[in-house]
Amino acid sequence: MTLQEKINIDIREAMKEKNADKLAALRSVKSAIMLEATKEGISQVSDVISLKLIAKLVKQRKDSAIIYENQDRHDLAVDEINQMKFLEFYLPTQMNDDEIKIVVKEVIRKSGANSMKDMGKCMGILIGKLDGVADSATISKLVKDELS
């Protein structure tokens, strides 16, 4: 079963459960997947692309929640956070900072990086290695810490 099919099934379940946050989150994923499919001129989108779309939606929800909190709109922030939790279910388990730091140190050692000038080279390798399991902002911060 593809991720796209799983989402369609989960949409039906959310409708039966009358879970508005889950339904809104899943419908946004379905919409993003359908837009991507029509853009490519295909009917099914691969699971890899679907996961990237879900990760993008999670990041949008996280950013929106922060903005709402800064504007004292806690009700809207809670909605965004609830939807984000439903979307995170479909993503692979994220690595914690300590696990990322181990990979960062290994890449820096193997690439011979020793200053901030080498950050781009390290980031390219790390983004490829940690795609989907670590946030690029976290990776960037840890690389800066190691190279400084």
C-alpha atoms as a PDB file:
ATOM      1  CA  MET A   1       0.000   0.000   0.000  1.00  0.00           C
ATOM      2  CA  THR A   2       1.405   3.365  -0.990  1.00  0.00           C
ATOM      3  CA  LEU A   3       1.481   6.342   1.318  1.00  0.00           C
ATOM      4  CA  GLN A   4      -1.062   8.069  -0.886  1.00  0.00           C
ATOM      5  CA  GLU A   5      -3.511   5.164  -0.442  1.00  0.00           C
ATOM      6  CA  LYS A   6      -2.880   5.086   3.318  1.00  0.00           C
ATOM      7  CA  ILE A   7      -3.712   8.786   3.564  1.00  0.00           C
ATOM      8  CA  ASN A   8      -6.961   8.274   1.659  1.00  0.00           C
ATOM      9  CA  ILE A   9      -7.962   5.503   4.072  1.00  0.00           C
ATOM     10  CA  ASP A  10      -7.033   7.650   7.057  1.00  0.00           C
ATOM     11  CA  ILE A  11      -9.154  10.516   5.682  1.00  0.00           C
ATOM     12  CA  ARG A  12     -12.188   8.228   5.662  1.00  0.00           C
ATOM     13  CA  GLU A  13     -11.428   7.117   9.237  1.00  0.00           C
ATOM     14  CA  ALA A  14     -11.054  10.729  10.389  1.00  0.00           C
ATOM     15  CA  MET A  15     -14.431  11.529   8.832  1.00  0.00           C
ATOM     16  CA  LYS A  16     -16.038   8.625  10.713  1.00  0.00           C
ATOM     17  CA  GLU A  17     -14.344   9.738  13.953  1.00  0.00           C
ATOM     18  CA  LYS A  18     -15.414  13.362  13.317  1.00  0.00           C
ATOM     19  CA  ASN A  19     -11.849  14.443  14.115  1.00  0.00           C
ATOM     20  CA  ALA A  20     -11.644  17.901  12.531  1.00  0.00           C
ATOM     21  CA  ASP A  21      -7.912  18.538  13.120  1.00  0.00           C
ATOM     22  CA  LYS A  22      -6.868  15.165  11.735  1.00  0.00           C
ATOM     23  CA  LEU A  23      -9.169  15.589   8.756  1.00  0.00           C
ATOM     24  CA  ALA A  24      -7.848  19.080   7.966  1.00  0.00           C
ATOM     25  CA  ALA A  25      -4.240  17.882   8.203  1.00  0.00           C
ATOM     26  CA  LEU A  26      -4.824  14.852   5.983  1.00  0.00           C
ATOM     27  CA  ARG A  27      -6.790  16.841   3.433  1.00  0.00           C
ATOM     28  CA  SER A  28      -3.911  19.314   3.156  1.00  0.00           C
ATOM     29  CA  VAL A  29      -1.552  16.398   2.467  1.00  0.00           C
ATOM     30  CA  LYS A  30      -3.901  14.931  -0.104  1.00  0.00           C
ATOM     31  CA  SER A  31      -4.201  18.320  -1.786  1.00  0.00           C
ATOM     32  CA  ALA A  32      -0.410  18.765  -1.907  1.00  0.00           C
ATOM     33  CA  ILE A  33       0.032  15.270  -3.340  1.00  0.00           C
ATOM     34  CA  MET A  34      -2.652  15.822  -5.967  1.00  0.00           C
ATOM     35  CA  LEU A  35      -1.084  19.156  -6.980  1.00  0.00           C
ATOM     36  CA  GLU A  36       2.296  17.462  -7.334  1.00  0.00           C
ATOM     37  CA  ALA A  37       0.758  14.653  -9.396  1.00  0.00           C
ATOM     38  CA  THR A  38      -0.992  17.027 -11.795  1.00  0.00           C
ATOM     39  CA  LYS A  39       2.163  19.110 -12.092  1.00  0.00           C
ATOM     40  CA  GLU A  40       4.052  15.993 -13.163  1.00  0.00           C
ATOM     41  CA  GLY A  41       1.142  14.690 -15.264  1.00  0.00           C
ATOM     42  CA  ILE A  42       0.863  11.408 -13.355  1.00  0.00           C
ATOM     43  CA  SER A  43      -1.826   9.805 -11.229  1.00  0.00           C
ATOM     44  CA  GLN A  44       0.352   8.428  -8.401  1.00  0.00           C
ATOM     45  CA  VAL A  45       3.198  10.198  -6.613  1.00  0.00           C
ATOM     46  CA  SER A  46       6.045   8.145  -5.193  1.00  0.00           C
ATOM     47  CA  ASP A  47       6.316   7.686  -1.445  1.00  0.00           C
ATOM     48  CA  VAL A  48       9.613   9.616  -1.433  1.00  0.00           C
ATOM     49  CA  ILE A  49       7.942  12.699  -2.907  1.00  0.00           C
ATOM     50  CA  SER A  50       4.945  12.249  -0.603  1.00  0.00           C
ATOM     51  CA  LEU A  51       7.239  12.195   2.436  1.00  0.00           C
ATOM     52  CA  LYS A  52       8.960  15.376   1.266  1.00  0.00           C
ATOM     53  CA  LEU A  53       5.579  17.061   0.871  1.00  0.00           C
ATOM     54  CA  ILE A  54       4.511  15.948   4.348  1.00  0.00           C
ATOM     55  CA  ALA A  55       7.793  17.203   5.827  1.00  0.00           C
ATOM     56  CA  LYS A  56       7.199  20.552   4.134  1.00  0.00           C
ATOM     57  CA  LEU A  57       3.682  20.747   5.579  1.00  0.00           C
ATOM     58  CA  VAL A  58       4.988  19.883   9.061  1.00  0.00           C
ATOM     59  CA  LYS A  59       7.540  22.682   8.807  1.00  0.00           C
ATOM     60  CA  GLN A  60       4.828  25.113   7.676  1.00  0.00           C
ATOM     61  CA  ARG A  61       2.642  24.128  10.633  1.00  0.00           C
ATOM     62  CA  LYS A  62       5.566  24.560  13.045  1.00  0.00           C
ATOM     63  CA  ASP A  63       6.402  28.003  11.636  1.00  0.00           C
ATOM     64  CA  SER A  64       2.742  29.071  11.730  1.00  0.00           C
ATOM     65  CA  ALA A  65       2.399  27.945  15.339  1.00  0.00           C
ATOM     66  CA  ILE A  66       5.416  30.050  16.317  1.00  0.00           C
ATOM     67  CA  ILE A  67       3.985  33.092  14.545  1.00  0.00           C
ATOM     68  CA  TYR A  68       0.588  32.602  16.215  1.00  0.00           C
ATOM     69  CA  GLU A  69       2.242  32.267  19.636  1.00  0.00           C
ATOM     70  CA  ASN A  70       4.186  35.500  19.057  1.00  0.00           C
ATOM     71  CA  GLN A  71       0.915  37.244  18.203  1.00  0.00           C
ATOM     72  CA  ASP A  72      -0.831  35.833  21.306  1.00  0.00           C
ATOM     73  CA  ARG A  73      -3.201  33.735  19.188  1.00  0.00           C
ATOM     74  CA  HIS A  74      -2.856  30.599  21.282  1.00  0.00           C
ATOM     75  CA  ASP A  75      -6.067  29.087  19.913  1.00  0.00           C
ATOM     76  CA  LEU A  76      -4.700  29.091  16.363  1.00  0.00           C
ATOM     77  CA  ALA A  77      -1.294  27.869  17.538  1.00  0.00           C
ATOM     78  CA  VAL A  78      -2.925  24.875  19.221  1.00  0.00           C
ATOM     79  CA  ASP A  79      -4.761  24.003  15.989  1.00  0.00           C
ATOM     80  CA  GLU A  80      -1.502  24.118  14.029  1.00  0.00           C
ATOM     81  CA  ILE A  81       0.321  21.997  16.588  1.00  0.00           C
ATOM     82  CA  ASN A  82      -2.473  19.410  16.649  1.00  0.00           C
ATOM     83  CA  GLN A  83      -2.434  19.141  12.855  1.00  0.00           C
ATOM     84  CA  MET A  84       1.358  18.922  12.883  1.00  0.00           C
ATOM     85  CA  LYS A  85       1.205  15.940  15.248  1.00  0.00           C
ATOM     86  CA  PHE A  86      -1.107  14.066  12.885  1.00  0.00           C
ATOM     87  CA  LEU A  87       1.267  14.711   9.972  1.00  0.00           C
ATOM     88  CA  GLU A  88       4.405  13.710  11.900  1.00  0.00           C
ATOM     89  CA  PHE A  89       2.926  10.221  12.229  1.00  0.00           C
ATOM     90  CA  TYR A  90       3.746   9.590   8.550  1.00  0.00           C
ATOM     91  CA  LEU A  91       7.356  10.796   8.752  1.00  0.00           C
ATOM     92  CA  PRO A  92      10.284   8.590   9.706  1.00  0.00           C
ATOM     93  CA  THR A  93      11.525   8.927  13.271  1.00  0.00           C
ATOM     94  CA  GLN A  94      13.608  12.068  13.609  1.00  0.00           C
ATOM     95  CA  MET A  95      17.135  11.890  14.989  1.00  0.00           C
ATOM     96  CA  ASN A  96      17.956  13.782  18.175  1.00  0.00           C
ATOM     97  CA  ASP A  97      20.772  16.337  18.413  1.00  0.00           C
ATOM     98  CA  ASP A  98      23.258  13.861  19.895  1.00  0.00           C
ATOM     99  CA  GLU A  99      22.734  11.383  17.042  1.00  0.00           C
ATOM    100  CA  ILE A 100      23.059  14.156  14.469  1.00  0.00           C
ATOM    101  CA  LYS A 101      26.215  15.463  16.147  1.00  0.00           C
ATOM    102  CA  ILE A 102      27.864  12.027  15.765  1.00  0.00           C
ATOM    103  CA  VAL A 103      27.162  12.032  12.007  1.00  0.00           C
ATOM    104  CA  VAL A 104      28.311  15.662  11.711  1.00  0.00           C
ATOM    105  CA  LYS A 105      31.628  14.911  13.415  1.00  0.00           C
ATOM    106  CA  GLU A 106      32.168  11.877  11.167  1.00  0.00           C
ATOM    107  CA  VAL A 107      31.495  13.851   7.976  1.00  0.00           C
ATOM    108  CA  ILE A 108      33.758  16.704   9.104  1.00  0.00           C
ATOM    109  CA  ARG A 109      36.537  14.238   9.887  1.00  0.00           C
ATOM    110  CA  LYS A 110      36.177  12.343   6.579  1.00  0.00           C
ATOM    111  CA  SER A 111      35.956  15.493   4.462  1.00  0.00           C
ATOM    112  CA  GLY A 112      38.918  17.138   6.179  1.00  0.00           C
ATOM    113  CA  ALA A 113      36.921  20.280   6.939  1.00  0.00           C
ATOM    114  CA  ASN A 114      38.551  22.583   9.455  1.00  0.00           C
ATOM    115  CA  SER A 115      36.989  26.031   9.010  1.00  0.00           C
ATOM    116  CA  MET A 116      33.717  27.738   8.167  1.00  0.00           C
ATOM    117  CA  LYS A 117      34.867  27.874   4.525  1.00  0.00           C
ATOM    118  CA  ASP A 118      34.233  24.123   4.351  1.00  0.00           C
ATOM    119  CA  MET A 119      30.674  24.347   5.694  1.00  0.00           C
ATOM    120  CA  GLY A 120      29.030  24.137   2.252  1.00  0.00           C
ATOM    121  CA  LYS A 121      30.888  20.946   1.423  1.00  0.00           C
ATOM    122  CA  CYS A 122      29.863  19.372   4.735  1.00  0.00           C
ATOM    123  CA  MET A 123      26.247  20.518   4.451  1.00  0.00           C
ATOM    124  CA  GLY A 124      25.898  18.971   0.990  1.00  0.00           C
ATOM    125  CA  ILE A 125      27.028  15.601   2.274  1.00  0.00           C
ATOM    126  CA  LEU A 126      24.978  15.815   5.473  1.00  0.00           C
ATOM    127  CA  ILE A 127      21.736  16.870   3.786  1.00  0.00           C
ATOM    128  CA  GLY A 128      22.088  13.851   1.488  1.00  0.00           C
ATOM    129  CA  LYS A 129      22.779  11.514   4.416  1.00  0.00           C
ATOM    130  CA  LEU A 130      20.199  12.851   6.844  1.00  0.00           C
ATOM    131  CA  ASP A 131      17.409  13.791   4.434  1.00  0.00           C
ATOM    132  CA  GLY A 132      14.067  13.129   6.078  1.00  0.00           C
ATOM    133  CA  VAL A 133      15.431  12.213   9.512  1.00  0.00           C
ATOM    134  CA  ALA A 134      16.912  15.559  10.558  1.00  0.00           C
ATOM    135  CA  ASP A 135      15.966  19.183  10.083  1.00  0.00           C
ATOM    136  CA  SER A 136      18.424  21.132   7.926  1.00  0.00           C
ATOM    137  CA  ALA A 137      18.420  24.066  10.366  1.00  0.00           C
ATOM    138  CA  THR A 138      19.542  21.757  13.172  1.00  0.00           C
ATOM    139  CA  ILE A 139      22.221  20.219  10.958  1.00  0.00           C
ATOM    140  CA  SER A 140      23.476  23.681  10.002  1.00  0.00           C
ATOM    141  CA  LYS A 141      23.639  24.804  13.631  1.00  0.00           C
ATOM    142  CA  LEU A 142      25.601  21.703  14.676  1.00  0.00           C
ATOM    143  CA  VAL A 143      28.038  22.061  11.760  1.00  0.00           C
ATOM    144  CA  LYS A 144      28.644  25.718  12.685  1.00  0.00           C
ATOM    145  CA  ASP A 145      29.272  24.696  16.299  1.00  0.00           C
ATOM    146  CA  GLU A 146      31.801  22.055  15.245  1.00  0.00           C
ATOM    147  CA  LEU A 147      33.649  24.234  12.724  1.00  0.00           C
ATOM    148  CA  SER A 148      33.826  27.344  14.915  1.00  0.00           C
END
